[in-house]
Amino acid sequence: MPTASSKPHFKDANRAQLSLLAPLEKRTLLWLAARMPPSVNSDHLTVLGFLSLIGAGLSYWYARTNRVGLVLVIGFLVLNWVGDSLDGTLARYRQRLRPRYGFYVDHVVDMFGTFFLLGGLGLSGYMSFPLAMALVIAYFMLSIEVYLTTYTIGTFHLSFWKFSPTELRILLAIGNIALLVRGGGAKLAGQQFLLFDVGGAVGLVGMAVMLVISTIKHTVQLYNEERLP
């Protein structure tokens, strides 16, 4: 039986959350954590966040035949925000921290959940399937860079360019409302495109640029910190 002293050393990384809504979100999450029933713990919230992303993906798939699915997606995104954002806050508020377990499980869940969400979006008819899969690949590549940075530099970036998952959920919800009100088309330069193809292409370019800039920045930083004589 391993003892506490035999556990691998784990240094919790600094959390860099600089998104637009971060100050308001932090106050809201602390307010919710203080009022969460004792019977609800962080694991329950993690499961809620995961199941909500599966629900959102299935709702997008359902929206192919019934636009009610777009409304269901918005509801699942709200539940996902509660589960995904509040689980760590609740653990810190109650001083029930499990840094290695929390970091690992949270991001494995995000990996599978994002695959379900974008997979469902690609099957919805509101976004081209190849573009949805390209977004999955770009998301995974950016995630790998973030996790490597967390390990090698000790800073865990929760946002890029003032955008975090919270802002992205809001943009996705706004896109769903636009689909309900105006339909799924967008006209650019005289050509008709799917609305989510336009947004997805912008997101894909944005993630690619973030990835390149972050890779160069952190490579230079690590090179300078570990210069050979």
Protein backbone atom coordinates (compact mmCIF):
# COMPACT_ATOMS: atom_id res chain seq x y z
CA MET A 1 0.00 0.00 0.00
CA PRO A 2 1.60 3.34 -1.08
CA THR A 3 1.99 5.91 1.65
CA ALA A 4 1.54 9.67 1.27
CA SER A 5 5.31 10.11 1.20
CA SER A 6 5.68 7.61 -1.66
CA LYS A 7 3.29 9.46 -3.98
CA PRO A 8 4.92 11.13 -7.01
CA HIS A 9 5.77 14.77 -6.45
CA PHE A 10 3.31 17.04 -8.24
CA LYS A 11 3.66 20.80 -8.45
CA ASP A 12 0.37 22.46 -9.27
CA ALA A 13 0.80 24.90 -12.17
CA ASN A 14 -0.07 28.58 -12.04
CA ARG A 15 -3.47 29.17 -13.65
CA ALA A 16 -3.54 31.98 -16.24
CA GLN A 17 -7.16 33.04 -16.78
CA LEU A 18 -7.27 36.36 -18.62
CA SER A 19 -10.50 36.05 -20.57
CA LEU A 20 -13.03 38.84 -21.03
CA LEU A 21 -15.54 37.40 -18.57
CA ALA A 22 -13.05 35.95 -16.07
CA PRO A 23 -13.68 38.44 -13.19
CA LEU A 24 -17.48 38.07 -13.41
CA GLU A 25 -17.23 34.32 -13.91
CA LYS A 26 -14.98 33.88 -10.86
CA ARG A 27 -17.41 35.78 -8.59
CA THR A 28 -20.34 33.79 -9.94
CA LEU A 29 -18.62 30.44 -9.44
CA LEU A 30 -17.61 31.30 -5.87
CA TRP A 31 -21.21 32.33 -5.15
CA LEU A 32 -22.48 29.02 -6.52
CA ALA A 33 -19.83 27.00 -4.67
CA ALA A 34 -20.84 28.57 -1.36
CA ARG A 35 -24.45 27.49 -1.95
CA MET A 36 -23.85 24.04 -3.39
CA PRO A 37 -25.55 21.28 -1.33
CA PRO A 38 -23.09 19.12 0.66
CA SER A 39 -24.36 16.05 -1.20
CA VAL A 40 -22.96 17.44 -4.47
CA ASN A 41 -19.22 17.10 -4.99
CA SER A 42 -16.72 17.89 -7.74
CA ASP A 43 -17.01 14.46 -9.34
CA HIS A 44 -20.76 14.95 -9.77
CA LEU A 45 -20.12 18.24 -11.53
CA THR A 46 -17.45 16.73 -13.79
CA VAL A 47 -19.90 14.03 -14.86
CA LEU A 48 -22.54 16.70 -15.46
CA GLY A 49 -20.16 18.64 -17.70
CA PHE A 50 -19.25 15.53 -19.67
CA LEU A 51 -22.82 14.29 -20.16
CA SER A 52 -23.86 17.80 -21.18
CA LEU A 53 -21.34 17.83 -24.04
CA ILE A 54 -22.62 14.44 -25.19
CA GLY A 55 -26.15 15.84 -24.98
CA ALA A 56 -25.12 18.90 -27.00
CA GLY A 57 -23.56 16.71 -29.69
CA LEU A 58 -26.67 14.50 -29.89
CA SER A 59 -28.86 17.60 -30.01
CA TYR A 60 -26.89 18.94 -32.98
CA TRP A 61 -27.39 15.60 -34.70
CA TYR A 62 -31.13 15.80 -33.88
CA ALA A 63 -31.22 19.36 -35.29
CA ARG A 64 -30.60 17.88 -38.73
CA THR A 65 -34.26 16.87 -38.78
CA ASN A 66 -35.76 19.16 -36.13
CA ARG A 67 -34.55 22.67 -35.28
CA VAL A 68 -35.66 22.15 -31.67
CA GLY A 69 -32.28 20.46 -31.34
CA LEU A 70 -30.62 23.89 -31.61
CA VAL A 71 -32.53 25.04 -28.53
CA LEU A 72 -31.56 21.87 -26.66
CA VAL A 73 -27.90 22.55 -27.48
CA ILE A 74 -28.08 25.93 -25.72
CA GLY A 75 -29.50 24.29 -22.59
CA PHE A 76 -26.77 21.64 -22.60
CA LEU A 77 -24.09 24.34 -23.04
CA VAL A 78 -25.36 26.06 -19.90
CA LEU A 79 -25.23 22.77 -17.98
CA ASN A 80 -21.75 22.12 -19.35
CA TRP A 81 -20.58 25.52 -18.09
CA VAL A 82 -21.93 24.70 -14.61
CA GLY A 83 -20.30 21.28 -14.49
CA ASP A 84 -17.02 22.06 -16.22
CA SER A 85 -16.36 25.43 -14.56
CA LEU A 86 -17.66 24.73 -11.08
CA ASP A 87 -16.03 21.36 -10.32
CA GLY A 88 -12.57 22.81 -9.68
CA THR A 89 -13.94 25.89 -7.92
CA LEU A 90 -15.95 23.70 -5.55
CA ALA A 91 -12.91 21.55 -4.76
CA ARG A 92 -10.83 24.65 -3.96
CA TYR A 93 -13.65 26.25 -1.95
CA ARG A 94 -14.08 23.13 0.22
CA GLN A 95 -10.33 22.43 0.36
CA ARG A 96 -10.90 19.00 -1.14
CA LEU A 97 -8.10 19.21 -3.70
CA ARG A 98 -6.74 16.30 -5.71
CA PRO A 99 -4.40 18.09 -8.14
CA ARG A 100 -3.21 15.12 -10.22
CA TYR A 101 -6.60 13.41 -10.38
CA GLY A 102 -8.42 16.66 -11.09
CA PHE A 103 -6.06 17.80 -13.83
CA TYR A 104 -6.07 14.43 -15.56
CA VAL A 105 -9.78 13.65 -15.37
CA ASP A 106 -10.88 17.18 -16.26
CA HIS A 107 -8.91 17.24 -19.48
CA VAL A 108 -9.60 13.67 -20.54
CA VAL A 109 -13.29 14.46 -20.14
CA ASP A 110 -12.85 17.66 -22.19
CA MET A 111 -11.14 15.64 -24.92
CA PHE A 112 -13.99 13.15 -25.31
CA GLY A 113 -16.66 15.79 -24.79
CA THR A 114 -15.26 18.09 -27.49
CA PHE A 115 -15.11 15.17 -29.90
CA PHE A 116 -18.81 14.43 -29.29
CA LEU A 117 -19.79 18.11 -29.56
CA LEU A 118 -17.96 18.82 -32.83
CA GLY A 119 -18.86 15.40 -34.21
CA GLY A 120 -22.53 16.16 -33.63
CA LEU A 121 -22.11 19.59 -35.19
CA GLY A 122 -20.52 17.99 -38.25
CA LEU A 123 -23.53 15.64 -38.57
CA SER A 124 -26.08 18.43 -38.06
CA GLY A 125 -26.06 19.73 -41.61
CA TYR A 126 -25.19 23.20 -40.27
CA MET A 127 -21.43 22.64 -40.65
CA SER A 128 -19.46 20.62 -43.19
CA PHE A 129 -18.23 17.39 -41.62
CA PRO A 130 -14.62 17.79 -42.88
CA LEU A 131 -14.45 21.25 -41.31
CA ALA A 132 -15.80 19.89 -38.02
CA MET A 133 -13.08 17.22 -38.00
CA ALA A 134 -10.44 19.84 -38.85
CA LEU A 135 -11.61 21.79 -35.79
CA VAL A 136 -11.28 18.64 -33.67
CA ILE A 137 -7.70 18.16 -34.88
CA ALA A 138 -6.81 21.82 -34.31
CA TYR A 139 -8.34 21.74 -30.83
CA PHE A 140 -6.37 18.62 -29.91
CA MET A 141 -3.12 20.09 -31.27
CA LEU A 142 -3.64 23.31 -29.30
CA SER A 143 -4.48 21.26 -26.20
CA ILE A 144 -1.25 19.29 -26.54
CA GLU A 145 0.71 22.55 -26.66
CA VAL A 146 -1.11 23.82 -23.57
CA TYR A 147 -0.40 20.64 -21.60
CA LEU A 148 3.27 20.59 -22.62
CA THR A 149 3.56 24.23 -21.55
CA THR A 150 1.93 23.37 -18.23
CA TYR A 151 4.49 20.63 -17.61
CA THR A 152 7.63 22.39 -18.83
CA ILE A 153 6.96 26.01 -17.85
CA GLY A 154 4.51 25.59 -14.98
CA THR A 155 1.74 27.86 -16.29
CA PHE A 156 -1.63 26.48 -17.30
CA HIS A 157 -3.29 28.79 -19.83
CA LEU A 158 -7.08 28.74 -19.52
CA SER A 159 -7.63 31.37 -22.21
CA PHE A 160 -6.12 32.73 -25.42
CA TRP A 161 -6.52 36.28 -26.70
CA LYS A 162 -9.18 37.03 -24.05
CA PHE A 163 -11.19 33.95 -25.06
CA SER A 164 -11.82 30.95 -22.86
CA PRO A 165 -14.31 28.06 -23.16
CA THR A 166 -16.93 30.31 -21.53
CA GLU A 167 -16.76 32.89 -24.31
CA LEU A 168 -16.76 30.11 -26.92
CA ARG A 169 -19.93 28.61 -25.41
CA ILE A 170 -21.59 32.01 -25.64
CA LEU A 171 -20.54 32.44 -29.28
CA LEU A 172 -21.85 28.96 -30.08
CA ALA A 173 -25.18 29.76 -28.39
CA ILE A 174 -25.42 33.04 -30.34
CA GLY A 175 -24.77 31.09 -33.54
CA ASN A 176 -27.62 28.72 -32.68
CA ILE A 177 -29.98 31.65 -32.11
CA ALA A 178 -28.91 33.12 -35.46
CA LEU A 179 -29.69 29.78 -37.12
CA LEU A 180 -33.15 29.75 -35.56
CA VAL A 181 -33.91 33.32 -36.60
CA ARG A 182 -32.22 33.62 -39.98
CA GLY A 183 -31.54 30.09 -41.15
CA GLY A 184 -28.24 28.36 -41.83
CA GLY A 185 -26.85 30.44 -44.69
CA ALA A 186 -24.33 33.27 -44.87
CA LYS A 187 -23.41 35.23 -47.99
CA LEU A 188 -19.82 36.32 -48.53
CA ALA A 189 -18.41 37.85 -51.72
CA GLY A 190 -21.53 36.82 -53.57
CA GLN A 191 -21.18 33.18 -52.50
CA GLN A 192 -23.52 31.28 -50.19
CA PHE A 193 -21.95 29.38 -47.29
CA LEU A 194 -23.21 27.57 -44.22
CA LEU A 195 -23.19 30.01 -41.28
CA PHE A 196 -21.25 27.63 -39.05
CA ASP A 197 -18.78 26.94 -41.87
CA VAL A 198 -17.92 30.65 -41.85
CA GLY A 199 -17.58 30.73 -38.05
CA GLY A 200 -15.74 27.40 -38.04
CA ALA A 201 -13.25 28.60 -40.66
CA VAL A 202 -12.55 31.73 -38.61
CA GLY A 203 -12.10 29.58 -35.50
CA LEU A 204 -9.80 27.18 -37.34
CA VAL A 205 -7.56 30.00 -38.56
CA GLY A 206 -7.57 31.54 -35.08
CA MET A 207 -6.51 28.27 -33.42
CA ALA A 208 -3.80 27.72 -36.03
CA VAL A 209 -2.36 31.19 -35.42
CA MET A 210 -2.54 30.70 -31.62
CA LEU A 211 -0.74 27.37 -31.98
CA VAL A 212 2.08 28.77 -34.10
CA ILE A 213 2.59 31.86 -31.91
CA SER A 214 2.50 29.86 -28.66
CA THR A 215 4.89 27.22 -30.02
CA ILE A 216 7.45 29.80 -31.12
CA LYS A 217 7.10 31.83 -27.91
CA HIS A 218 7.52 28.87 -25.56
CA THR A 219 10.31 27.29 -27.61
CA VAL A 220 12.29 30.54 -27.42
CA GLN A 221 11.55 30.87 -23.70
CA LEU A 222 12.72 27.33 -22.91
CA TYR A 223 15.79 27.71 -25.13
CA ASN A 224 16.82 30.87 -23.28
CA GLU A 225 16.17 29.30 -19.89
CA GLU A 226 18.26 26.23 -20.72
CA ARG A 227 21.07 27.63 -22.82
CA LEU A 228 24.05 25.36 -23.09
CA PRO A 229 27.45 26.85 -22.16
